[in-house]
Amino acid sequence: MSSWTDYLITDSPASRRQARLGQFYRQWLAFRRNPLAVIGLVIVVALLLIAAFAPLIATHNPLTQNLDGRLLPPSAAHWFGTDSLGRDIYSRIVYGARVTLVIVLLVVVTVGPLGLLIGAASGYLGGWVDRVLMRITDVFLAFPRLVLALAFVAALGPGLENAVIAIAFTAWPPYARVARAETLIIRNQDYISAVRLQGASQWRVVLRHVVPMCLPSLIVRTTLDMAGIILTAAGLGFLGLGAQPPIPEWGAMISTGREQIFDQWWVATFPGIAICIVALGFNLLGDGLRDVMDAR
């Protein structure tokens, strides 16, 4: 692939127009050429819109119970049927998008900076700092995320807030590993040596020069990890340790319908489909961003 300087020495109008394109626009063009990545972006944008306009999209109040209309099959009145308490499943899935999005955003906002700081400090400082931080990271990586999250939730108690804390405590090690790998490459670059020669402290170099260079890889990792966060949150909800009733949460909705899975299949099927579609969307989006932002 030619560099941007190649466009500056070319006289053709097409090359000059290409040279004026910013890096973001060029990346968007590359991203748009990947149909699967575009599908992932559409799914994620649809999730955001559904969560934002849930009161307009939902056809019923997700908390209203109607025992006379319990376990009704999908129909014009209830597009996805009703659950064991007569609540509209479609409306609960729409409002459940808000819960899922809140969990993902809170976890990402927590683990992204934490993993980035730990990984950058470990890779740049080296020595005993690197050994201690990476051994702690290895301990967390030795356990499956859901099992470790279950242990934290069991200690903290069930609830949406505690589920977010538990997932955040178990999700940061991969971010630290990625940031450390990037830092080991960056710390030997000439511009880092120049900054050190100017008298900058170690933490200033880490925070001002190393951390920003790790962001592209962390963004890709974050996007790919969102599907895992959604599945972990759904697993906690399925076990009754996540969002508590009557909050509409997709994992809890599957748990509610598992007893009627053969007779009233719609109770658990539609929330499961929602989880699969959203997780697939984030994975496709992450793959597209990885190809565009981190060609390695």
C-alpha atoms as a PDB file:
ATOM      1  CA  MET A   1       0.000   0.000   0.000  1.00  0.00           C
ATOM      2  CA  SER A   2       1.380   3.428  -0.917  1.00  0.00           C
ATOM      3  CA  SER A   3       1.951   5.998   1.789  1.00  0.00           C
ATOM      4  CA  TRP A   4       0.352   9.414   1.914  1.00  0.00           C
ATOM      5  CA  THR A   5       3.567  11.010   0.671  1.00  0.00           C
ATOM      6  CA  ASP A   6       3.154   9.218  -2.646  1.00  0.00           C
ATOM      7  CA  TYR A   7       0.083  11.297  -3.349  1.00  0.00           C
ATOM      8  CA  LEU A   8       1.968  14.558  -2.797  1.00  0.00           C
ATOM      9  CA  ILE A   9       4.397  13.913  -5.618  1.00  0.00           C
ATOM     10  CA  THR A  10       1.728  12.899  -8.156  1.00  0.00           C
ATOM     11  CA  ASP A  11       0.252  15.512 -10.508  1.00  0.00           C
ATOM     12  CA  SER A  12      -2.976  13.785 -11.498  1.00  0.00           C
ATOM     13  CA  PRO A  13      -6.215  15.346 -10.171  1.00  0.00           C
ATOM     14  CA  ALA A  14      -7.366  12.000  -8.804  1.00  0.00           C
ATOM     15  CA  SER A  15      -4.197  11.622  -6.764  1.00  0.00           C
ATOM     16  CA  ARG A  16      -4.458  15.188  -5.448  1.00  0.00           C
ATOM     17  CA  ARG A  17      -8.030  14.563  -4.328  1.00  0.00           C
ATOM     18  CA  GLN A  18      -6.901  11.362  -2.638  1.00  0.00           C
ATOM     19  CA  ALA A  19      -4.119  13.256  -0.882  1.00  0.00           C
ATOM     20  CA  ARG A  20      -6.640  15.684   0.609  1.00  0.00           C
ATOM     21  CA  LEU A  21      -8.612  12.903   2.201  1.00  0.00           C
ATOM     22  CA  GLY A  22      -8.030  12.671   5.927  1.00  0.00           C
ATOM     23  CA  GLN A  23      -6.933   9.529   7.648  1.00  0.00           C
ATOM     24  CA  PHE A  24     -10.361   9.025   9.177  1.00  0.00           C
ATOM     25  CA  TYR A  25     -12.083   9.196   5.802  1.00  0.00           C
ATOM     26  CA  ARG A  26      -9.619   6.746   4.265  1.00  0.00           C
ATOM     27  CA  GLN A  27     -10.233   4.363   7.105  1.00  0.00           C
ATOM     28  CA  TRP A  28     -13.978   4.741   6.630  1.00  0.00           C
ATOM     29  CA  LEU A  29     -13.620   3.879   2.954  1.00  0.00           C
ATOM     30  CA  ALA A  30     -11.650   0.767   3.858  1.00  0.00           C
ATOM     31  CA  PHE A  31     -14.192  -0.119   6.505  1.00  0.00           C
ATOM     32  CA  ARG A  32     -17.090   0.339   4.109  1.00  0.00           C
ATOM     33  CA  ARG A  33     -15.568  -2.146   1.674  1.00  0.00           C
ATOM     34  CA  ASN A  34     -16.027  -4.866   4.286  1.00  0.00           C
ATOM     35  CA  PRO A  35     -19.716  -5.895   4.104  1.00  0.00           C
ATOM     36  CA  LEU A  36     -19.606  -7.921   7.319  1.00  0.00           C
ATOM     37  CA  ALA A  37     -18.186  -4.960   9.236  1.00  0.00           C
ATOM     38  CA  VAL A  38     -20.939  -2.740   7.855  1.00  0.00           C
ATOM     39  CA  ILE A  39     -23.530  -5.265   9.008  1.00  0.00           C
ATOM     40  CA  GLY A  40     -21.974  -5.192  12.476  1.00  0.00           C
ATOM     41  CA  LEU A  41     -22.081  -1.394  12.504  1.00  0.00           C
ATOM     42  CA  VAL A  42     -25.746  -1.444  11.492  1.00  0.00           C
ATOM     43  CA  ILE A  43     -26.574  -3.858  14.325  1.00  0.00           C
ATOM     44  CA  VAL A  44     -24.733  -1.754  16.913  1.00  0.00           C
ATOM     45  CA  VAL A  45     -26.340   1.480  15.684  1.00  0.00           C
ATOM     46  CA  ALA A  46     -29.737  -0.249  15.776  1.00  0.00           C
ATOM     47  CA  LEU A  47     -29.075  -1.275  19.388  1.00  0.00           C
ATOM     48  CA  LEU A  48     -28.250   2.326  20.283  1.00  0.00           C
ATOM     49  CA  LEU A  49     -31.390   3.629  18.582  1.00  0.00           C
ATOM     50  CA  ILE A  50     -33.600   0.998  20.207  1.00  0.00           C
ATOM     51  CA  ALA A  51     -32.199   1.823  23.630  1.00  0.00           C
ATOM     52  CA  ALA A  52     -32.588   5.568  23.071  1.00  0.00           C
ATOM     53  CA  PHE A  53     -36.144   5.426  21.712  1.00  0.00           C
ATOM     54  CA  ALA A  54     -37.458   2.458  23.686  1.00  0.00           C
ATOM     55  CA  PRO A  55     -40.624   4.291  24.870  1.00  0.00           C
ATOM     56  CA  LEU A  56     -41.526   5.003  21.238  1.00  0.00           C
ATOM     57  CA  ILE A  57     -40.656   1.563  19.898  1.00  0.00           C
ATOM     58  CA  ALA A  58     -42.207  -0.582  22.622  1.00  0.00           C
ATOM     59  CA  THR A  59     -45.887  -1.462  22.204  1.00  0.00           C
ATOM     60  CA  HIS A  60     -46.626  -2.125  25.895  1.00  0.00           C
ATOM     61  CA  ASN A  61     -45.330  -1.257  29.335  1.00  0.00           C
ATOM     62  CA  PRO A  62     -42.615  -3.875  30.011  1.00  0.00           C
ATOM     63  CA  LEU A  63     -43.542  -4.111  33.703  1.00  0.00           C
ATOM     64  CA  THR A  64     -47.323  -4.365  33.381  1.00  0.00           C
ATOM     65  CA  GLN A  65     -48.635  -7.806  34.340  1.00  0.00           C
ATOM     66  CA  ASN A  66     -51.770  -9.373  32.894  1.00  0.00           C
ATOM     67  CA  LEU A  67     -52.432 -12.814  34.326  1.00  0.00           C
ATOM     68  CA  ASP A  68     -55.413 -13.285  32.023  1.00  0.00           C
ATOM     69  CA  GLY A  69     -53.074 -12.999  29.027  1.00  0.00           C
ATOM     70  CA  ARG A  70     -50.173 -15.100  30.275  1.00  0.00           C
ATOM     71  CA  LEU A  71     -48.140 -17.278  27.885  1.00  0.00           C
ATOM     72  CA  LEU A  72     -49.925 -16.079  24.769  1.00  0.00           C
ATOM     73  CA  PRO A  73     -48.204 -17.030  21.479  1.00  0.00           C
ATOM     74  CA  PRO A  74     -46.928 -14.385  19.051  1.00  0.00           C
ATOM     75  CA  SER A  75     -49.781 -12.443  17.474  1.00  0.00           C
ATOM     76  CA  ALA A  76     -50.700  -9.016  16.145  1.00  0.00           C
ATOM     77  CA  ALA A  77     -51.402  -7.835  19.696  1.00  0.00           C
ATOM     78  CA  HIS A  78     -48.161  -9.273  21.134  1.00  0.00           C
ATOM     79  CA  TRP A  79     -45.537  -9.639  18.420  1.00  0.00           C
ATOM     80  CA  PHE A  80     -43.279 -11.943  20.465  1.00  0.00           C
ATOM     81  CA  GLY A  81     -45.986 -13.352  22.746  1.00  0.00           C
ATOM     82  CA  THR A  82     -46.256 -12.928  26.516  1.00  0.00           C
ATOM     83  CA  ASP A  83     -44.423 -14.489  29.457  1.00  0.00           C
ATOM     84  CA  SER A  84     -45.700 -16.335  32.524  1.00  0.00           C
ATOM     85  CA  LEU A  85     -46.920 -13.065  34.071  1.00  0.00           C
ATOM     86  CA  GLY A  86     -48.605 -11.782  30.935  1.00  0.00           C
ATOM     87  CA  ARG A  87     -45.938  -9.187  30.145  1.00  0.00           C
ATOM     88  CA  ASP A  88     -45.249  -8.348  26.509  1.00  0.00           C
ATOM     89  CA  ILE A  89     -41.965 -10.026  25.521  1.00  0.00           C
ATOM     90  CA  TYR A  90     -41.270  -7.682  22.606  1.00  0.00           C
ATOM     91  CA  SER A  91     -41.486  -4.615  24.855  1.00  0.00           C
ATOM     92  CA  ARG A  92     -39.296  -6.256  27.477  1.00  0.00           C
ATOM     93  CA  ILE A  93     -36.659  -7.058  24.853  1.00  0.00           C
ATOM     94  CA  VAL A  94     -36.733  -3.435  23.662  1.00  0.00           C
ATOM     95  CA  TYR A  95     -36.241  -2.102  27.183  1.00  0.00           C
ATOM     96  CA  GLY A  96     -33.723  -4.854  27.871  1.00  0.00           C
ATOM     97  CA  ALA A  97     -31.509  -3.241  25.227  1.00  0.00           C
ATOM     98  CA  ARG A  98     -31.086  -0.339  27.639  1.00  0.00           C
ATOM     99  CA  VAL A  99     -29.944  -2.628  30.429  1.00  0.00           C
ATOM    100  CA  THR A 100     -27.507  -4.429  28.143  1.00  0.00           C
ATOM    101  CA  LEU A 101     -26.092  -1.169  26.809  1.00  0.00           C
ATOM    102  CA  VAL A 102     -25.664   0.283  30.301  1.00  0.00           C
ATOM    103  CA  ILE A 103     -23.777  -2.820  31.456  1.00  0.00           C
ATOM    104  CA  VAL A 104     -21.481  -2.769  28.418  1.00  0.00           C
ATOM    105  CA  LEU A 105     -20.727   0.955  28.691  1.00  0.00           C
ATOM    106  CA  LEU A 106     -20.070   0.868  32.440  1.00  0.00           C
ATOM    107  CA  VAL A 107     -17.765  -2.122  32.135  1.00  0.00           C
ATOM    108  CA  VAL A 108     -15.851  -0.672  29.179  1.00  0.00           C
ATOM    109  CA  VAL A 109     -15.446   2.727  30.844  1.00  0.00           C
ATOM    110  CA  THR A 110     -14.031   0.944  33.893  1.00  0.00           C
ATOM    111  CA  VAL A 111     -11.789  -1.745  32.440  1.00  0.00           C
ATOM    112  CA  GLY A 112     -10.462   0.180  29.435  1.00  0.00           C
ATOM    113  CA  PRO A 113      -8.515   2.848  31.365  1.00  0.00           C
ATOM    114  CA  LEU A 114      -7.588   0.371  34.119  1.00  0.00           C
ATOM    115  CA  GLY A 115      -6.165  -2.240  31.768  1.00  0.00           C
ATOM    116  CA  LEU A 116      -4.457   0.425  29.648  1.00  0.00           C
ATOM    117  CA  LEU A 117      -2.727   1.995  32.645  1.00  0.00           C
ATOM    118  CA  ILE A 118      -1.630  -1.331  34.134  1.00  0.00           C
ATOM    119  CA  GLY A 119      -0.348  -2.669  30.821  1.00  0.00           C
ATOM    120  CA  ALA A 120       1.465   0.537  29.851  1.00  0.00           C
ATOM    121  CA  ALA A 121       3.110   0.858  33.266  1.00  0.00           C
ATOM    122  CA  SER A 122       4.121  -2.803  33.259  1.00  0.00           C
ATOM    123  CA  GLY A 123       5.617  -2.694  29.771  1.00  0.00           C
ATOM    124  CA  TYR A 124       7.434   0.616  30.181  1.00  0.00           C
ATOM    125  CA  LEU A 125       8.777   0.336  33.725  1.00  0.00           C
ATOM    126  CA  GLY A 126       9.738  -3.347  33.482  1.00  0.00           C
ATOM    127  CA  GLY A 127      11.655  -5.022  36.292  1.00  0.00           C
ATOM    128  CA  TRP A 128       9.794  -5.992  39.447  1.00  0.00           C
ATOM    129  CA  VAL A 129       6.824  -3.801  38.490  1.00  0.00           C
ATOM    130  CA  ASP A 130       6.320  -5.814  35.311  1.00  0.00           C
ATOM    131  CA  ARG A 131       6.701  -9.123  37.128  1.00  0.00           C
ATOM    132  CA  VAL A 132       4.232  -8.263  39.895  1.00  0.00           C
ATOM    133  CA  LEU A 133       1.576  -6.783  37.610  1.00  0.00           C
ATOM    134  CA  MET A 134       1.768  -9.578  35.055  1.00  0.00           C
ATOM    135  CA  ARG A 135       1.594 -12.311  37.692  1.00  0.00           C
ATOM    136  CA  ILE A 136      -1.553 -10.701  39.071  1.00  0.00           C
ATOM    137  CA  THR A 137      -2.876 -10.579  35.522  1.00  0.00           C
ATOM    138  CA  ASP A 138      -2.058 -14.268  35.041  1.00  0.00           C
ATOM    139  CA  VAL A 139      -4.011 -15.161  38.179  1.00  0.00           C
ATOM    140  CA  PHE A 140      -7.131 -13.477  36.785  1.00  0.00           C
ATOM    141  CA  LEU A 141      -6.616 -15.047  33.352  1.00  0.00           C
ATOM    142  CA  ALA A 142      -6.332 -18.514  34.888  1.00  0.00           C
ATOM    143  CA  PHE A 143     -10.060 -18.553  35.703  1.00  0.00           C
ATOM    144  CA  PRO A 144     -12.920 -18.465  33.190  1.00  0.00           C
ATOM    145  CA  ARG A 145     -14.529 -15.049  33.229  1.00  0.00           C
ATOM    146  CA  LEU A 146     -18.013 -16.261  34.153  1.00  0.00           C
ATOM    147  CA  VAL A 147     -16.719 -18.436  37.012  1.00  0.00           C
ATOM    148  CA  LEU A 148     -14.691 -15.565  38.439  1.00  0.00           C
ATOM    149  CA  ALA A 149     -17.617 -13.165  38.017  1.00  0.00           C
ATOM    150  CA  LEU A 150     -19.838 -15.624  39.884  1.00  0.00           C
ATOM    151  CA  ALA A 151     -17.375 -15.624  42.768  1.00  0.00           C
ATOM    152  CA  PHE A 152     -17.380 -11.827  42.957  1.00  0.00           C
ATOM    153  CA  VAL A 153     -21.168 -11.597  42.742  1.00  0.00           C
ATOM    154  CA  ALA A 154     -21.526 -14.262  45.423  1.00  0.00           C
ATOM    155  CA  ALA A 155     -19.366 -12.126  47.682  1.00  0.00           C
ATOM    156  CA  LEU A 156     -21.049  -8.813  46.818  1.00  0.00           C
ATOM    157  CA  GLY A 157     -24.631 -10.035  46.469  1.00  0.00           C
ATOM    158  CA  PRO A 158     -26.986 -10.145  43.466  1.00  0.00           C
ATOM    159  CA  GLY A 159     -27.914  -6.954  41.644  1.00  0.00           C
ATOM    160  CA  LEU A 160     -27.162  -4.962  38.512  1.00  0.00           C
ATOM    161  CA  GLU A 161     -24.526  -2.748  40.160  1.00  0.00           C
ATOM    162  CA  ASN A 162     -22.694  -5.697  41.674  1.00  0.00           C
ATOM    163  CA  ALA A 163     -22.845  -7.544  38.354  1.00  0.00           C
ATOM    164  CA  VAL A 164     -21.158  -4.603  36.635  1.00  0.00           C
ATOM    165  CA  ILE A 165     -18.449  -4.519  39.322  1.00  0.00           C
ATOM    166  CA  ALA A 166     -17.903  -8.274  39.044  1.00  0.00           C
ATOM    167  CA  ILE A 167     -17.623  -8.204  35.246  1.00  0.00           C
ATOM    168  CA  ALA A 168     -15.263  -5.226  35.402  1.00  0.00           C
ATOM    169  CA  PHE A 169     -12.996  -7.005  37.889  1.00  0.00           C
ATOM    170  CA  THR A 170     -12.729 -10.001  35.552  1.00  0.00           C
ATOM    171  CA  ALA A 171     -12.490  -8.200  32.187  1.00  0.00           C
ATOM    172  CA  TRP A 172      -9.386  -6.004  32.569  1.00  0.00           C
ATOM    173  CA  PRO A 173      -6.524  -8.581  32.155  1.00  0.00           C
ATOM    174  CA  PRO A 174      -6.757  -8.922  28.330  1.00  0.00           C
ATOM    175  CA  TYR A 175      -6.620  -5.126  28.009  1.00  0.00           C
ATOM    176  CA  ALA A 176      -3.501  -5.044  30.177  1.00  0.00           C
ATOM    177  CA  ARG A 177      -1.866  -7.721  28.035  1.00  0.00           C
ATOM    178  CA  VAL A 178      -2.574  -5.836  24.811  1.00  0.00           C
ATOM    179  CA  ALA A 179      -1.328  -2.546  26.269  1.00  0.00           C
ATOM    180  CA  ARG A 180       1.851  -4.196  27.576  1.00  0.00           C
ATOM    181  CA  ALA A 181       2.621  -5.765  24.195  1.00  0.00           C
ATOM    182  CA  GLU A 182       2.191  -2.410  22.460  1.00  0.00           C
ATOM    183  CA  THR A 183       4.306  -0.642  25.090  1.00  0.00           C
ATOM    184  CA  LEU A 184       7.209  -3.068  24.695  1.00  0.00           C
ATOM    185  CA  ILE A 185       7.400  -1.973  21.051  1.00  0.00           C
ATOM    186  CA  ILE A 186       6.811   1.723  21.650  1.00  0.00           C
ATOM    187  CA  ARG A 187       9.298   2.225  24.494  1.00  0.00           C
ATOM    188  CA  ASN A 188      12.269   1.573  22.182  1.00  0.00           C
ATOM    189  CA  GLN A 189      11.218   4.124  19.572  1.00  0.00           C
ATOM    190  CA  ASP A 190      13.450   7.133  18.904  1.00  0.00           C
ATOM    191  CA  TYR A 191      10.876   9.734  19.903  1.00  0.00           C
ATOM    192  CA  ILE A 192      10.497   8.103  23.347  1.00  0.00           C
ATOM    193  CA  SER A 193      14.267   8.322  23.798  1.00  0.00           C
ATOM    194  CA  ALA A 194      14.116  11.985  22.793  1.00  0.00           C
ATOM    195  CA  VAL A 195      11.419  12.689  25.365  1.00  0.00           C
ATOM    196  CA  ARG A 196      13.488  11.000  28.085  1.00  0.00           C
ATOM    197  CA  LEU A 197      16.549  13.059  27.119  1.00  0.00           C
ATOM    198  CA  GLN A 198      14.489  16.205  27.625  1.00  0.00           C
ATOM    199  CA  GLY A 199      14.057  15.248  31.272  1.00  0.00           C
ATOM    200  CA  ALA A 200      10.505  13.907  31.257  1.00  0.00           C
ATOM    201  CA  SER A 201       9.650  11.662  34.185  1.00  0.00           C
ATOM    202  CA  GLN A 202       8.711   8.028  33.651  1.00  0.00           C
ATOM    203  CA  TRP A 203       5.038   8.557  34.458  1.00  0.00           C
ATOM    204  CA  ARG A 204       4.880  11.566  32.154  1.00  0.00           C
ATOM    205  CA  VAL A 205       6.273   9.459  29.326  1.00  0.00           C
ATOM    206  CA  VAL A 206       3.746   6.705  30.060  1.00  0.00           C
ATOM    207  CA  LEU A 207       0.704   8.956  30.332  1.00  0.00           C
ATOM    208  CA  ARG A 208       1.522  11.509  27.629  1.00  0.00           C
ATOM    209  CA  HIS A 209       3.314   9.445  24.996  1.00  0.00           C
ATOM    210  CA  VAL A 210       2.891   5.695  25.510  1.00  0.00           C
ATOM    211  CA  VAL A 211      -0.797   5.483  26.433  1.00  0.00           C
ATOM    212  CA  PRO A 212      -2.062   7.443  23.367  1.00  0.00           C
ATOM    213  CA  MET A 213      -0.113   5.143  21.041  1.00  0.00           C
ATOM    214  CA  CYS A 214      -1.812   2.088  22.594  1.00  0.00           C
ATOM    215  CA  LEU A 215      -5.341   3.420  22.047  1.00  0.00           C
ATOM    216  CA  PRO A 216      -5.981   1.985  18.530  1.00  0.00           C
ATOM    217  CA  SER A 217      -5.285  -1.576  19.657  1.00  0.00           C
ATOM    218  CA  LEU A 218      -7.325  -1.046  22.826  1.00  0.00           C
ATOM    219  CA  ILE A 219     -10.290   0.267  20.822  1.00  0.00           C
ATOM    220  CA  VAL A 220     -10.252  -2.842  18.662  1.00  0.00           C
ATOM    221  CA  ARG A 221      -9.909  -5.075  21.709  1.00  0.00           C
ATOM    222  CA  THR A 222     -12.771  -3.263  23.435  1.00  0.00           C
ATOM    223  CA  THR A 223     -15.108  -3.721  20.489  1.00  0.00           C
ATOM    224  CA  LEU A 224     -14.278  -7.416  20.223  1.00  0.00           C
ATOM    225  CA  ASP A 225     -14.702  -7.862  23.976  1.00  0.00           C
ATOM    226  CA  MET A 226     -18.190  -6.339  24.138  1.00  0.00           C
ATOM    227  CA  ALA A 227     -19.764  -9.590  22.950  1.00  0.00           C
ATOM    228  CA  GLY A 228     -18.086 -11.441  25.812  1.00  0.00           C
ATOM    229  CA  ILE A 229     -19.304  -8.816  28.274  1.00  0.00           C
ATOM    230  CA  ILE A 230     -22.864  -9.210  26.995  1.00  0.00           C
ATOM    231  CA  LEU A 231     -22.690 -13.005  27.312  1.00  0.00           C
ATOM    232  CA  THR A 232     -21.246 -12.782  30.830  1.00  0.00           C
ATOM    233  CA  ALA A 233     -23.961 -10.340  31.898  1.00  0.00           C
ATOM    234  CA  ALA A 234     -26.604 -12.608  30.368  1.00  0.00           C
ATOM    235  CA  GLY A 235     -25.107 -15.597  32.190  1.00  0.00           C
ATOM    236  CA  LEU A 236     -25.283 -13.791  35.519  1.00  0.00           C
ATOM    237  CA  GLY A 237     -28.851 -12.733  34.770  1.00  0.00           C
ATOM    238  CA  PHE A 238     -29.765 -16.311  33.828  1.00  0.00           C
ATOM    239  CA  LEU A 239     -28.475 -17.524  37.194  1.00  0.00           C
ATOM    240  CA  GLY A 240     -30.410 -14.825  39.047  1.00  0.00           C
ATOM    241  CA  LEU A 241     -27.285 -12.876  40.072  1.00  0.00           C
ATOM    242  CA  GLY A 242     -27.563  -9.981  37.637  1.00  0.00           C
ATOM    243  CA  ALA A 243     -30.409  -7.536  37.174  1.00  0.00           C
ATOM    244  CA  GLN A 244     -33.217  -8.415  39.566  1.00  0.00           C
ATOM    245  CA  PRO A 245     -36.951  -8.630  38.722  1.00  0.00           C
ATOM    246  CA  PRO A 246     -38.891  -6.828  37.431  1.00  0.00           C
ATOM    247  CA  ILE A 247     -36.025  -5.223  35.436  1.00  0.00           C
ATOM    248  CA  PRO A 248     -36.213  -6.549  31.838  1.00  0.00           C
ATOM    249  CA  GLU A 249     -32.829  -8.206  31.262  1.00  0.00           C
ATOM    250  CA  TRP A 250     -32.305 -10.692  28.445  1.00  0.00           C
ATOM    251  CA  GLY A 251     -30.511 -13.369  30.479  1.00  0.00           C
ATOM    252  CA  ALA A 252     -33.139 -13.257  33.218  1.00  0.00           C
ATOM    253  CA  MET A 253     -35.872 -13.499  30.571  1.00  0.00           C
ATOM    254  CA  ILE A 254     -34.304 -16.700  29.211  1.00  0.00           C
ATOM    255  CA  SER A 255     -34.158 -18.086  32.736  1.00  0.00           C
ATOM    256  CA  THR A 256     -37.847 -17.309  33.212  1.00  0.00           C
ATOM    257  CA  GLY A 257     -38.801 -19.159  30.037  1.00  0.00           C
ATOM    258  CA  ARG A 258     -36.588 -22.216  30.388  1.00  0.00           C
ATOM    259  CA  GLU A 259     -39.337 -24.172  32.155  1.00  0.00           C
ATOM    260  CA  GLN A 260     -41.728 -23.643  29.220  1.00  0.00           C
ATOM    261  CA  ILE A 261     -39.151 -24.088  26.478  1.00  0.00           C
ATOM    262  CA  PHE A 262     -40.989 -27.037  24.858  1.00  0.00           C
ATOM    263  CA  ASP A 263     -44.569 -25.778  25.199  1.00  0.00           C
ATOM    264  CA  GLN A 264     -44.147 -21.984  25.066  1.00  0.00           C
ATOM    265  CA  TRP A 265     -40.936 -21.724  23.047  1.00  0.00           C
ATOM    266  CA  TRP A 266     -41.241 -17.987  22.398  1.00  0.00           C
ATOM    267  CA  VAL A 267     -40.636 -16.997  26.032  1.00  0.00           C
ATOM    268  CA  ALA A 268     -36.944 -17.946  25.945  1.00  0.00           C
ATOM    269  CA  THR A 269     -36.276 -17.979  22.200  1.00  0.00           C
ATOM    270  CA  PHE A 270     -36.676 -14.301  21.361  1.00  0.00           C
ATOM    271  CA  PRO A 271     -34.412 -12.994  24.164  1.00  0.00           C
ATOM    272  CA  GLY A 272     -31.825 -15.571  23.105  1.00  0.00           C
ATOM    273  CA  ILE A 273     -32.026 -14.381  19.506  1.00  0.00           C
ATOM    274  CA  ALA A 274     -31.529 -10.789  20.705  1.00  0.00           C
ATOM    275  CA  ILE A 275     -28.365 -11.791  22.583  1.00  0.00           C
ATOM    276  CA  CYS A 276     -27.003 -13.685  19.558  1.00  0.00           C
ATOM    277  CA  ILE A 277     -27.658 -10.810  17.144  1.00  0.00           C
ATOM    278  CA  VAL A 278     -26.092  -8.151  19.375  1.00  0.00           C
ATOM    279  CA  ALA A 279     -23.048 -10.300  20.196  1.00  0.00           C
ATOM    280  CA  LEU A 280     -22.601 -11.072  16.493  1.00  0.00           C
ATOM    281  CA  GLY A 281     -22.870  -7.357  15.658  1.00  0.00           C
ATOM    282  CA  PHE A 282     -20.112  -6.378  18.060  1.00  0.00           C
ATOM    283  CA  ASN A 283     -17.867  -9.196  16.824  1.00  0.00           C
ATOM    284  CA  LEU A 284     -18.319  -8.188  13.181  1.00  0.00           C
ATOM    285  CA  LEU A 285     -17.707  -4.533  14.036  1.00  0.00           C
ATOM    286  CA  GLY A 286     -14.584  -5.430  15.997  1.00  0.00           C
ATOM    287  CA  ASP A 287     -13.209  -7.508  13.125  1.00  0.00           C
ATOM    288  CA  GLY A 288     -13.753  -4.599  10.743  1.00  0.00           C
ATOM    289  CA  LEU A 289     -12.069  -2.112  13.045  1.00  0.00           C
ATOM    290  CA  ARG A 290      -9.142  -4.468  13.541  1.00  0.00           C
ATOM    291  CA  ASP A 291      -8.562  -4.703   9.796  1.00  0.00           C
ATOM    292  CA  VAL A 292      -8.718  -0.921   9.403  1.00  0.00           C
ATOM    293  CA  MET A 293      -6.949   0.369  12.518  1.00  0.00           C
ATOM    294  CA  ASP A 294      -4.412  -2.381  13.158  1.00  0.00           C
ATOM    295  CA  ALA A 295      -3.351  -4.053   9.932  1.00  0.00           C
ATOM    296  CA  ARG A 296      -0.922  -6.327  11.796  1.00  0.00           C
END
